[in-house]
Amino acid sequence: MSKSLPKIKSDEEAEELLSEDLTEYLTPENFKGNFSPVSFEFAPKDATISLRLSKDLLEAVKKASDKRAISYQKFIRESIERAIREIL
C-alpha cells in the first residue's frame, strides 16, 4: 500500500513529522511518489544558448509559465530537465 508524505502547513507539523520514523516513506514503492530528483535549477547559470522559436510557440510557453507563476526562461529550463529525466 502506498504511503504519501502529508502536506505540511507549519514548522510545528514539519518538526513533528521529522520526529517520526520515516522508513515507510522510503520504500521503493513509496519513494517515487514522495520524492523527486534534485533540479539543476540550483546550479549557477554560467552558459548561454540562443534558441529560435515560432512566435506561437513562444506565446504558448509564456502562457504556460504564467499559469505556474514563473518566468518563461525558468519554465524552459524545467521543461528541458523533465525531458532529460524521462530519457535517463
N, C-alpha and C. Protein backbone atom coordinates (compact mmCIF):
# COMPACT_ATOMS: atom_id res chain seq x y z
N MET A 1 0.84 -1.18 0.00
CA MET A 1 0.00 0.00 0.00
C MET A 1 0.88 1.25 0.00
N SER A 2 0.56 2.18 -0.85
CA SER A 2 1.35 3.40 -1.00
C SER A 2 1.09 4.36 0.16
N LYS A 3 2.16 4.90 0.70
CA LYS A 3 2.03 5.87 1.79
C LYS A 3 2.68 7.17 1.35
N SER A 4 1.87 8.22 1.27
CA SER A 4 2.35 9.53 0.83
C SER A 4 2.66 10.41 2.02
N LEU A 5 3.69 11.23 1.86
CA LEU A 5 4.01 12.21 2.89
C LEU A 5 2.84 13.19 3.03
N PRO A 6 2.51 13.58 4.25
CA PRO A 6 1.41 14.53 4.44
C PRO A 6 1.81 15.92 3.99
N LYS A 7 0.82 16.73 3.64
CA LYS A 7 1.07 18.13 3.31
C LYS A 7 1.40 18.85 4.62
N ILE A 8 2.49 19.58 4.64
CA ILE A 8 2.94 20.25 5.86
C ILE A 8 2.58 21.73 5.75
N LYS A 9 1.88 22.24 6.75
CA LYS A 9 1.42 23.62 6.71
C LYS A 9 2.09 24.53 7.73
N SER A 10 2.94 23.96 8.58
CA SER A 10 3.60 24.80 9.58
C SER A 10 4.93 24.18 9.98
N ASP A 11 5.76 24.98 10.63
CA ASP A 11 7.03 24.48 11.15
C ASP A 11 6.79 23.39 12.19
N GLU A 12 5.74 23.56 12.97
CA GLU A 12 5.44 22.57 14.01
C GLU A 12 5.11 21.21 13.39
N GLU A 13 4.33 21.23 12.30
CA GLU A 13 4.00 19.97 11.62
C GLU A 13 5.25 19.34 11.03
N ALA A 14 6.15 20.14 10.52
CA ALA A 14 7.41 19.62 9.97
C ALA A 14 8.24 18.99 11.07
N GLU A 15 8.36 19.67 12.20
CA GLU A 15 9.12 19.12 13.33
C GLU A 15 8.51 17.81 13.81
N GLU A 16 7.20 17.75 13.88
CA GLU A 16 6.52 16.53 14.32
C GLU A 16 6.80 15.37 13.36
N LEU A 17 6.71 15.65 12.05
CA LEU A 17 6.97 14.61 11.06
C LEU A 17 8.41 14.11 11.18
N LEU A 18 9.36 15.03 11.36
CA LEU A 18 10.77 14.64 11.44
C LEU A 18 11.09 13.85 12.69
N SER A 19 10.24 13.93 13.68
CA SER A 19 10.47 13.16 14.91
C SER A 19 9.98 11.71 14.76
N GLU A 20 9.24 11.42 13.68
CA GLU A 20 8.72 10.07 13.43
C GLU A 20 9.72 9.23 12.65
N ASP A 21 9.45 7.92 12.63
CA ASP A 21 10.23 7.01 11.79
C ASP A 21 9.70 7.15 10.36
N LEU A 22 10.54 7.59 9.45
CA LEU A 22 10.13 7.87 8.07
C LEU A 22 10.45 6.73 7.11
N THR A 23 10.85 5.59 7.63
CA THR A 23 11.28 4.47 6.81
C THR A 23 10.25 4.06 5.76
N GLU A 24 8.98 4.02 6.14
CA GLU A 24 7.97 3.56 5.18
C GLU A 24 7.79 4.51 3.99
N TYR A 25 8.20 5.76 4.13
CA TYR A 25 8.14 6.69 3.00
C TYR A 25 9.28 6.44 2.02
N LEU A 26 10.30 5.70 2.45
CA LEU A 26 11.49 5.48 1.64
C LEU A 26 11.51 4.14 0.93
N THR A 27 10.47 3.31 1.10
CA THR A 27 10.43 2.03 0.42
C THR A 27 10.35 2.26 -1.08
N PRO A 28 10.82 1.31 -1.90
CA PRO A 28 10.80 1.52 -3.35
C PRO A 28 9.42 1.89 -3.90
N GLU A 29 8.36 1.29 -3.39
CA GLU A 29 7.03 1.59 -3.92
C GLU A 29 6.53 2.97 -3.50
N ASN A 30 7.05 3.54 -2.43
CA ASN A 30 6.62 4.86 -1.96
C ASN A 30 7.57 5.98 -2.33
N PHE A 31 8.83 5.64 -2.61
CA PHE A 31 9.86 6.66 -2.80
C PHE A 31 9.53 7.62 -3.94
N LYS A 32 9.20 7.08 -5.11
CA LYS A 32 8.98 7.94 -6.28
C LYS A 32 7.82 8.90 -6.07
N GLY A 33 6.79 8.48 -5.34
CA GLY A 33 5.66 9.36 -5.09
C GLY A 33 5.93 10.43 -4.05
N ASN A 34 6.94 10.22 -3.23
CA ASN A 34 7.24 11.16 -2.15
C ASN A 34 8.42 12.07 -2.41
N PHE A 35 9.28 11.70 -3.34
CA PHE A 35 10.49 12.48 -3.57
C PHE A 35 10.72 12.66 -5.07
N SER A 36 11.37 13.73 -5.43
CA SER A 36 11.71 13.97 -6.82
C SER A 36 13.19 14.32 -6.91
N PRO A 37 13.78 14.11 -8.08
CA PRO A 37 15.21 14.38 -8.23
C PRO A 37 15.52 15.86 -7.99
N VAL A 38 16.74 16.10 -7.55
CA VAL A 38 17.19 17.48 -7.36
C VAL A 38 17.34 18.12 -8.72
N SER A 39 16.96 19.34 -8.80
CA SER A 39 16.95 20.07 -10.05
C SER A 39 18.29 20.75 -10.31
N PHE A 40 18.56 20.98 -11.58
CA PHE A 40 19.72 21.77 -11.96
C PHE A 40 19.49 23.24 -11.65
N GLU A 41 18.28 23.59 -11.29
CA GLU A 41 17.92 24.99 -11.06
C GLU A 41 18.81 25.66 -10.01
N PHE A 42 19.37 24.88 -9.10
CA PHE A 42 20.22 25.44 -8.05
C PHE A 42 21.64 25.72 -8.53
N ALA A 43 22.02 25.12 -9.63
CA ALA A 43 23.37 25.32 -10.16
C ALA A 43 23.47 26.71 -10.78
N PRO A 44 24.66 27.30 -10.76
CA PRO A 44 24.81 28.61 -11.38
C PRO A 44 24.54 28.53 -12.88
N LYS A 45 23.92 29.56 -13.39
CA LYS A 45 23.64 29.62 -14.83
C LYS A 45 24.82 30.30 -15.50
N ASP A 46 25.79 29.51 -15.94
CA ASP A 46 27.02 30.06 -16.46
C ASP A 46 27.23 29.76 -17.95
N ALA A 47 26.18 29.27 -18.61
CA ALA A 47 26.25 29.04 -20.05
C ALA A 47 25.01 29.65 -20.69
N THR A 48 25.19 30.14 -21.89
CA THR A 48 24.10 30.79 -22.62
C THR A 48 23.87 30.07 -23.94
N ILE A 49 22.59 29.94 -24.30
CA ILE A 49 22.26 29.39 -25.62
C ILE A 49 21.35 30.37 -26.34
N SER A 50 21.30 30.25 -27.65
CA SER A 50 20.37 31.02 -28.45
C SER A 50 19.41 30.02 -29.07
N LEU A 51 18.13 30.28 -28.95
CA LEU A 51 17.13 29.33 -29.40
C LEU A 51 16.06 30.08 -30.19
N ARG A 52 15.82 29.65 -31.40
CA ARG A 52 14.81 30.30 -32.23
C ARG A 52 13.52 29.49 -32.14
N LEU A 53 12.42 30.19 -31.84
CA LEU A 53 11.09 29.57 -31.74
C LEU A 53 10.11 30.35 -32.59
N SER A 54 9.04 29.70 -32.96
CA SER A 54 7.97 30.44 -33.63
C SER A 54 7.31 31.35 -32.59
N LYS A 55 6.71 32.43 -33.06
CA LYS A 55 6.01 33.34 -32.14
C LYS A 55 4.91 32.61 -31.39
N ASP A 56 4.20 31.72 -32.09
CA ASP A 56 3.11 30.97 -31.45
C ASP A 56 3.62 30.08 -30.32
N LEU A 57 4.75 29.38 -30.58
CA LEU A 57 5.30 28.53 -29.53
C LEU A 57 5.77 29.36 -28.35
N LEU A 58 6.44 30.48 -28.60
CA LEU A 58 6.90 31.34 -27.51
C LEU A 58 5.71 31.86 -26.70
N GLU A 59 4.65 32.25 -27.35
CA GLU A 59 3.45 32.72 -26.64
C GLU A 59 2.85 31.60 -25.79
N ALA A 60 2.84 30.38 -26.33
CA ALA A 60 2.32 29.23 -25.56
C ALA A 60 3.19 28.97 -24.34
N VAL A 61 4.51 29.07 -24.50
CA VAL A 61 5.43 28.89 -23.38
C VAL A 61 5.18 29.96 -22.32
N LYS A 62 5.04 31.21 -22.75
CA LYS A 62 4.80 32.30 -21.80
C LYS A 62 3.46 32.13 -21.08
N LYS A 63 2.44 31.68 -21.80
CA LYS A 63 1.14 31.45 -21.17
C LYS A 63 1.22 30.33 -20.13
N ALA A 64 1.92 29.25 -20.49
CA ALA A 64 2.09 28.14 -19.55
C ALA A 64 2.90 28.56 -18.33
N SER A 65 3.94 29.36 -18.54
CA SER A 65 4.76 29.81 -17.41
C SER A 65 3.97 30.77 -16.51
N ASP A 66 3.12 31.59 -17.11
CA ASP A 66 2.27 32.48 -16.31
C ASP A 66 1.34 31.68 -15.40
N LYS A 67 0.80 30.58 -15.90
CA LYS A 67 -0.08 29.74 -15.08
C LYS A 67 0.67 29.17 -13.87
N ARG A 68 1.98 28.94 -14.01
CA ARG A 68 2.80 28.43 -12.91
C ARG A 68 3.45 29.55 -12.12
N ALA A 69 3.24 30.79 -12.55
CA ALA A 69 3.79 31.98 -11.88
C ALA A 69 5.31 31.93 -11.81
N ILE A 70 5.94 31.53 -12.92
CA ILE A 70 7.39 31.53 -13.01
C ILE A 70 7.77 32.21 -14.33
N SER A 71 9.03 32.58 -14.46
CA SER A 71 9.48 33.21 -15.70
C SER A 71 9.49 32.17 -16.82
N TYR A 72 9.36 32.65 -18.05
CA TYR A 72 9.34 31.70 -19.16
C TYR A 72 10.71 31.04 -19.34
N GLN A 73 11.80 31.73 -18.96
CA GLN A 73 13.12 31.11 -19.04
C GLN A 73 13.23 29.93 -18.07
N LYS A 74 12.73 30.12 -16.85
CA LYS A 74 12.75 29.03 -15.88
C LYS A 74 11.86 27.89 -16.35
N PHE A 75 10.71 28.22 -16.93
CA PHE A 75 9.81 27.20 -17.46
C PHE A 75 10.52 26.36 -18.53
N ILE A 76 11.27 27.02 -19.42
CA ILE A 76 12.01 26.30 -20.46
C ILE A 76 13.07 25.40 -19.84
N ARG A 77 13.82 25.92 -18.84
CA ARG A 77 14.84 25.10 -18.17
C ARG A 77 14.21 23.88 -17.52
N GLU A 78 13.09 24.07 -16.82
CA GLU A 78 12.41 22.94 -16.17
C GLU A 78 11.92 21.93 -17.20
N SER A 79 11.43 22.41 -18.33
CA SER A 79 10.95 21.51 -19.39
C SER A 79 12.10 20.66 -19.95
N ILE A 80 13.25 21.30 -20.13
CA ILE A 80 14.42 20.56 -20.61
C ILE A 80 14.84 19.51 -19.58
N GLU A 81 14.88 19.88 -18.31
CA GLU A 81 15.24 18.93 -17.26
C GLU A 81 14.28 17.76 -17.23
N ARG A 82 12.99 18.03 -17.33
CA ARG A 82 11.97 16.97 -17.31
C ARG A 82 12.21 16.00 -18.47
N ALA A 83 12.48 16.54 -19.65
CA ALA A 83 12.73 15.69 -20.82
C ALA A 83 13.97 14.81 -20.61
N ILE A 84 15.00 15.38 -20.02
CA ILE A 84 16.23 14.61 -19.76
C ILE A 84 15.98 13.49 -18.76
N ARG A 85 15.23 13.80 -17.68
CA ARG A 85 14.92 12.76 -16.67
C ARG A 85 14.15 11.61 -17.29
N GLU A 86 13.24 11.90 -18.22
CA GLU A 86 12.47 10.84 -18.87
C GLU A 86 13.35 9.94 -19.72
N ILE A 87 14.36 10.51 -20.33
CA ILE A 87 15.27 9.72 -21.19
C ILE A 87 16.25 8.92 -20.35
N LEU A 88 16.77 9.53 -19.31
CA LEU A 88 17.76 8.84 -18.47
C LEU A 88 17.03 7.93 -17.53
